[in-house]
C-alpha atoms as a PDB file:
ATOM      1  CA  UNK A   1      23.671   4.333 -58.529  1.00  0.00           C
ATOM      2  CA  UNK A   2      25.858   4.286 -55.425  1.00  0.00           C
ATOM      3  CA  UNK A   3      27.701   7.448 -54.386  1.00  0.00           C
ATOM      4  CA  UNK A   4      31.401   7.138 -55.300  1.00  0.00           C
ATOM      5  CA  UNK A   5      32.447   8.153 -51.777  1.00  0.00           C
ATOM      6  CA  UNK A   6      30.377   5.417 -50.119  1.00  0.00           C
ATOM      7  CA  UNK A   7      30.874   2.796 -52.832  1.00  0.00           C
ATOM      8  CA  UNK A   8      32.949  -0.158 -51.637  1.00  0.00           C
ATOM      9  CA  UNK A   9      36.201  -0.713 -53.505  1.00  0.00           C
ATOM     10  CA  UNK A  10      37.548  -4.051 -54.580  1.00  0.00           C
ATOM     11  CA  UNK A  11      41.012  -5.418 -54.081  1.00  0.00           C
ATOM     12  CA  UNK A  12      42.753  -3.815 -57.051  1.00  0.00           C
ATOM     13  CA  UNK A  13      45.942  -5.771 -56.402  1.00  0.00           C
ATOM     14  CA  UNK A  14      46.407  -3.479 -53.389  1.00  0.00           C
ATOM     15  CA  UNK A  15      47.439  -6.426 -51.229  1.00  0.00           C
ATOM     16  CA  UNK A  16      50.808  -6.183 -52.985  1.00  0.00           C
ATOM     17  CA  UNK A  17      53.235  -4.419 -50.687  1.00  0.00           C
ATOM     18  CA  UNK A  18      56.524  -2.753 -51.683  1.00  0.00           C
ATOM     19  CA  UNK A  19      58.593  -5.728 -50.502  1.00  0.00           C
ATOM     20  CA  UNK A  20      56.685  -8.148 -52.730  1.00  0.00           C
ATOM     21  CA  UNK A  21      58.974  -7.574 -55.720  1.00  0.00           C
ATOM     22  CA  UNK A  22      58.024 -10.802 -57.458  1.00  0.00           C
ATOM     23  CA  UNK A  23      54.334  -9.852 -57.739  1.00  0.00           C
ATOM     24  CA  UNK A  24      55.070  -6.285 -58.790  1.00  0.00           C
ATOM     25  CA  UNK A  25      57.424  -7.625 -61.463  1.00  0.00           C
ATOM     26  CA  UNK A  26      54.750 -10.057 -62.730  1.00  0.00           C
ATOM     27  CA  UNK A  27      52.386  -7.125 -63.209  1.00  0.00           C
ATOM     28  CA  UNK A  28      55.001  -5.080 -65.078  1.00  0.00           C
ATOM     29  CA  UNK A  29      56.462  -2.858 -62.364  1.00  0.00           C
ATOM     30  CA  UNK A  30      55.139  -0.251 -59.909  1.00  0.00           C
ATOM     31  CA  UNK A  31      53.995   2.187 -62.616  1.00  0.00           C
ATOM     32  CA  UNK A  32      51.968  -0.504 -64.372  1.00  0.00           C
ATOM     33  CA  UNK A  33      50.478  -1.593 -61.032  1.00  0.00           C
ATOM     34  CA  UNK A  34      49.333   2.002 -60.411  1.00  0.00           C
ATOM     35  CA  UNK A  35      47.836   2.183 -63.932  1.00  0.00           C
ATOM     36  CA  UNK A  36      45.958  -1.080 -63.436  1.00  0.00           C
ATOM     37  CA  UNK A  37      44.576   0.096 -60.101  1.00  0.00           C
ATOM     38  CA  UNK A  38      43.234   3.298 -61.699  1.00  0.00           C
ATOM     39  CA  UNK A  39      41.783   1.300 -64.613  1.00  0.00           C
ATOM     40  CA  UNK A  40      40.074  -1.127 -62.219  1.00  0.00           C
ATOM     41  CA  UNK A  41      38.699   1.746 -60.141  1.00  0.00           C
ATOM     42  CA  UNK A  42      37.259   3.399 -63.254  1.00  0.00           C
ATOM     43  CA  UNK A  43      35.855   0.119 -64.617  1.00  0.00           C
ATOM     44  CA  UNK A  44      34.274  -0.655 -61.246  1.00  0.00           C
ATOM     45  CA  UNK A  45      32.110   2.463 -61.617  1.00  0.00           C
ATOM     46  CA  UNK A  46      30.489   0.887 -64.725  1.00  0.00           C
ATOM     47  CA  UNK A  47      29.433  -2.326 -62.972  1.00  0.00           C
ATOM     48  CA  UNK A  48      25.713  -2.724 -62.352  1.00  0.00           C
ATOM     49  CA  UNK A  49      24.502  -3.717 -58.901  1.00  0.00           C
ATOM     50  CA  UNK A  50      24.227  -7.366 -57.929  1.00  0.00           C
ATOM     51  CA  UNK A  51      21.226  -8.979 -59.654  1.00  0.00           C
ATOM     52  CA  UNK A  52      20.475 -11.052 -56.531  1.00  0.00           C
ATOM     53  CA  UNK A  53      20.715  -8.621 -53.610  1.00  0.00           C
ATOM     54  CA  UNK A  54      21.167  -5.191 -55.259  1.00  0.00           C
ATOM     55  CA  UNK A  55      24.448  -4.382 -53.477  1.00  0.00           C
ATOM     56  CA  UNK A  56      27.337  -2.655 -55.293  1.00  0.00           C
ATOM     57  CA  UNK A  57      29.761  -4.811 -57.256  1.00  0.00           C
ATOM     58  CA  UNK A  58      33.543  -4.589 -56.946  1.00  0.00           C
ATOM     59  CA  UNK A  59      36.506  -5.810 -58.995  1.00  0.00           C
ATOM     60  CA  UNK A  60      39.070  -8.012 -57.326  1.00  0.00           C
ATOM     61  CA  UNK A  61      42.609  -8.787 -58.393  1.00  0.00           C
ATOM     62  CA  UNK A  62      43.263 -12.516 -58.080  1.00  0.00           C
ATOM     63  CA  UNK A  63      46.387 -14.689 -58.188  1.00  0.00           C
ATOM     64  CA  UNK A  64      46.860 -18.247 -59.369  1.00  0.00           C
ATOM     65  CA  UNK A  65      50.483 -19.265 -58.993  1.00  0.00           C
ATOM     66  CA  UNK A  66      52.389 -16.713 -61.130  1.00  0.00           C
ATOM     67  CA  UNK A  67      49.313 -15.621 -63.077  1.00  0.00           C
ATOM     68  CA  UNK A  68      47.206 -12.590 -62.243  1.00  0.00           C
ATOM     69  CA  UNK A  69      43.515 -12.298 -62.957  1.00  0.00           C
ATOM     70  CA  UNK A  70      40.383 -10.221 -62.417  1.00  0.00           C
ATOM     71  CA  UNK A  71      36.963 -11.073 -60.985  1.00  0.00           C
ATOM     72  CA  UNK A  72      33.734  -9.104 -60.437  1.00  0.00           C
ATOM     73  CA  UNK A  73      32.110  -9.840 -57.078  1.00  0.00           C
ATOM     74  CA  UNK A  74      29.122  -8.587 -55.098  1.00  0.00           C
ATOM     75  CA  UNK A  75      30.271  -6.647 -52.046  1.00  0.00           C
ATOM     76  CA  UNK A  76      27.508  -8.170 -49.909  1.00  0.00           C
ATOM     77  CA  UNK A  77      26.517 -11.701 -50.981  1.00  0.00           C
ATOM     78  CA  UNK A  78      29.859 -12.387 -52.746  1.00  0.00           C
ATOM     79  CA  UNK A  79      28.415 -13.947 -55.887  1.00  0.00           C
ATOM     80  CA  UNK A  80      30.654 -13.200 -58.820  1.00  0.00           C
ATOM     81  CA  UNK A  81      32.105 -13.997 -62.180  1.00  0.00           C
ATOM     82  CA  UNK A  82      34.623 -16.720 -62.758  1.00  0.00           C
ATOM     83  CA  UNK A  83      38.099 -15.186 -62.358  1.00  0.00           C
ATOM     84  CA  UNK A  84      39.830 -14.527 -65.689  1.00  0.00           C
ATOM     85  CA  UNK A  85      43.552 -15.285 -65.526  1.00  0.00           C
ATOM     86  CA  UNK A  86      46.406 -14.563 -67.871  1.00  0.00           C
ATOM     87  CA  UNK A  87      46.535 -17.910 -69.574  1.00  0.00           C
ATOM     88  CA  UNK A  88      46.840 -19.152 -73.088  1.00  0.00           C
ATOM     89  CA  UNK A  89      43.621 -19.473 -75.003  1.00  0.00           C
ATOM     90  CA  UNK A  90      42.906 -22.158 -77.553  1.00  0.00           C
ATOM     91  CA  UNK A  91      44.460 -19.829 -80.135  1.00  0.00           C
ATOM     92  CA  UNK A  92      47.680 -19.490 -78.066  1.00  0.00           C
ATOM     93  CA  UNK A  93      46.813 -15.902 -77.207  1.00  0.00           C
ATOM     94  CA  UNK A  94      47.300 -14.288 -73.817  1.00  0.00           C
ATOM     95  CA  UNK A  95      44.729 -11.764 -72.613  1.00  0.00           C
ATOM     96  CA  UNK A  96      46.308  -8.686 -71.059  1.00  0.00           C
ATOM     97  CA  UNK A  97      45.023  -7.466 -67.700  1.00  0.00           C
ATOM     98  CA  UNK A  98      43.346  -4.562 -69.503  1.00  0.00           C
ATOM     99  CA  UNK A  99      41.490  -7.078 -71.693  1.00  0.00           C
ATOM    100  CA  UNK A 100      40.638  -9.170 -68.637  1.00  0.00           C
ATOM    101  CA  UNK A 101      39.140  -6.130 -66.905  1.00  0.00           C
ATOM    102  CA  UNK A 102      37.074  -5.302 -69.994  1.00  0.00           C
ATOM    103  CA  UNK A 103      35.904  -8.913 -70.401  1.00  0.00           C
ATOM    104  CA  UNK A 104      35.022  -9.162 -66.687  1.00  0.00           C
ATOM    105  CA  UNK A 105      32.908  -5.977 -66.830  1.00  0.00           C
ATOM    106  CA  UNK A 106      31.112  -7.295 -69.936  1.00  0.00           C
ATOM    107  CA  UNK A 107      30.483 -10.690 -68.324  1.00  0.00           C
ATOM    108  CA  UNK A 108      29.070  -9.158 -65.125  1.00  0.00           C
ATOM    109  CA  UNK A 109      26.978  -6.603 -67.020  1.00  0.00           C
ATOM    110  CA  UNK A 110      25.312  -9.194 -69.264  1.00  0.00           C
ATOM    111  CA  UNK A 111      21.728  -9.752 -68.208  1.00  0.00           C
ATOM    112  CA  UNK A 112      19.189 -12.143 -69.643  1.00  0.00           C
ATOM    113  CA  UNK A 113      15.723 -10.823 -70.383  1.00  0.00           C
ATOM    114  CA  UNK A 114      13.087 -12.183 -68.027  1.00  0.00           C
ATOM    115  CA  UNK A 115      10.503 -14.377 -69.715  1.00  0.00           C
ATOM    116  CA  UNK A 116       6.947 -14.696 -68.543  1.00  0.00           C
END
């Protein structure tokens, strides 16, 4: 396990600056942005190391037009999960960012058993 002080941190939507009102509004306001950043930081601690190079894994906040999403990515070789965005599912259901974070951690943490 990597020491929390030396562990790299992902982009937890921290590229959003105070003047970027549109993005802050899309996330639900400055308080919600702060909550999401704490949630992503805590969830990042649960991510196992990269299965290819062993480096720590980080969570990244991603944007696609007006939709925000989350992706797990290796801090060294940059392999990662497919970004999950807030989009309608087949059942016309939107996944919240909290659900996206949870689903991203589960997707990255899933490991297949090696067969001989």
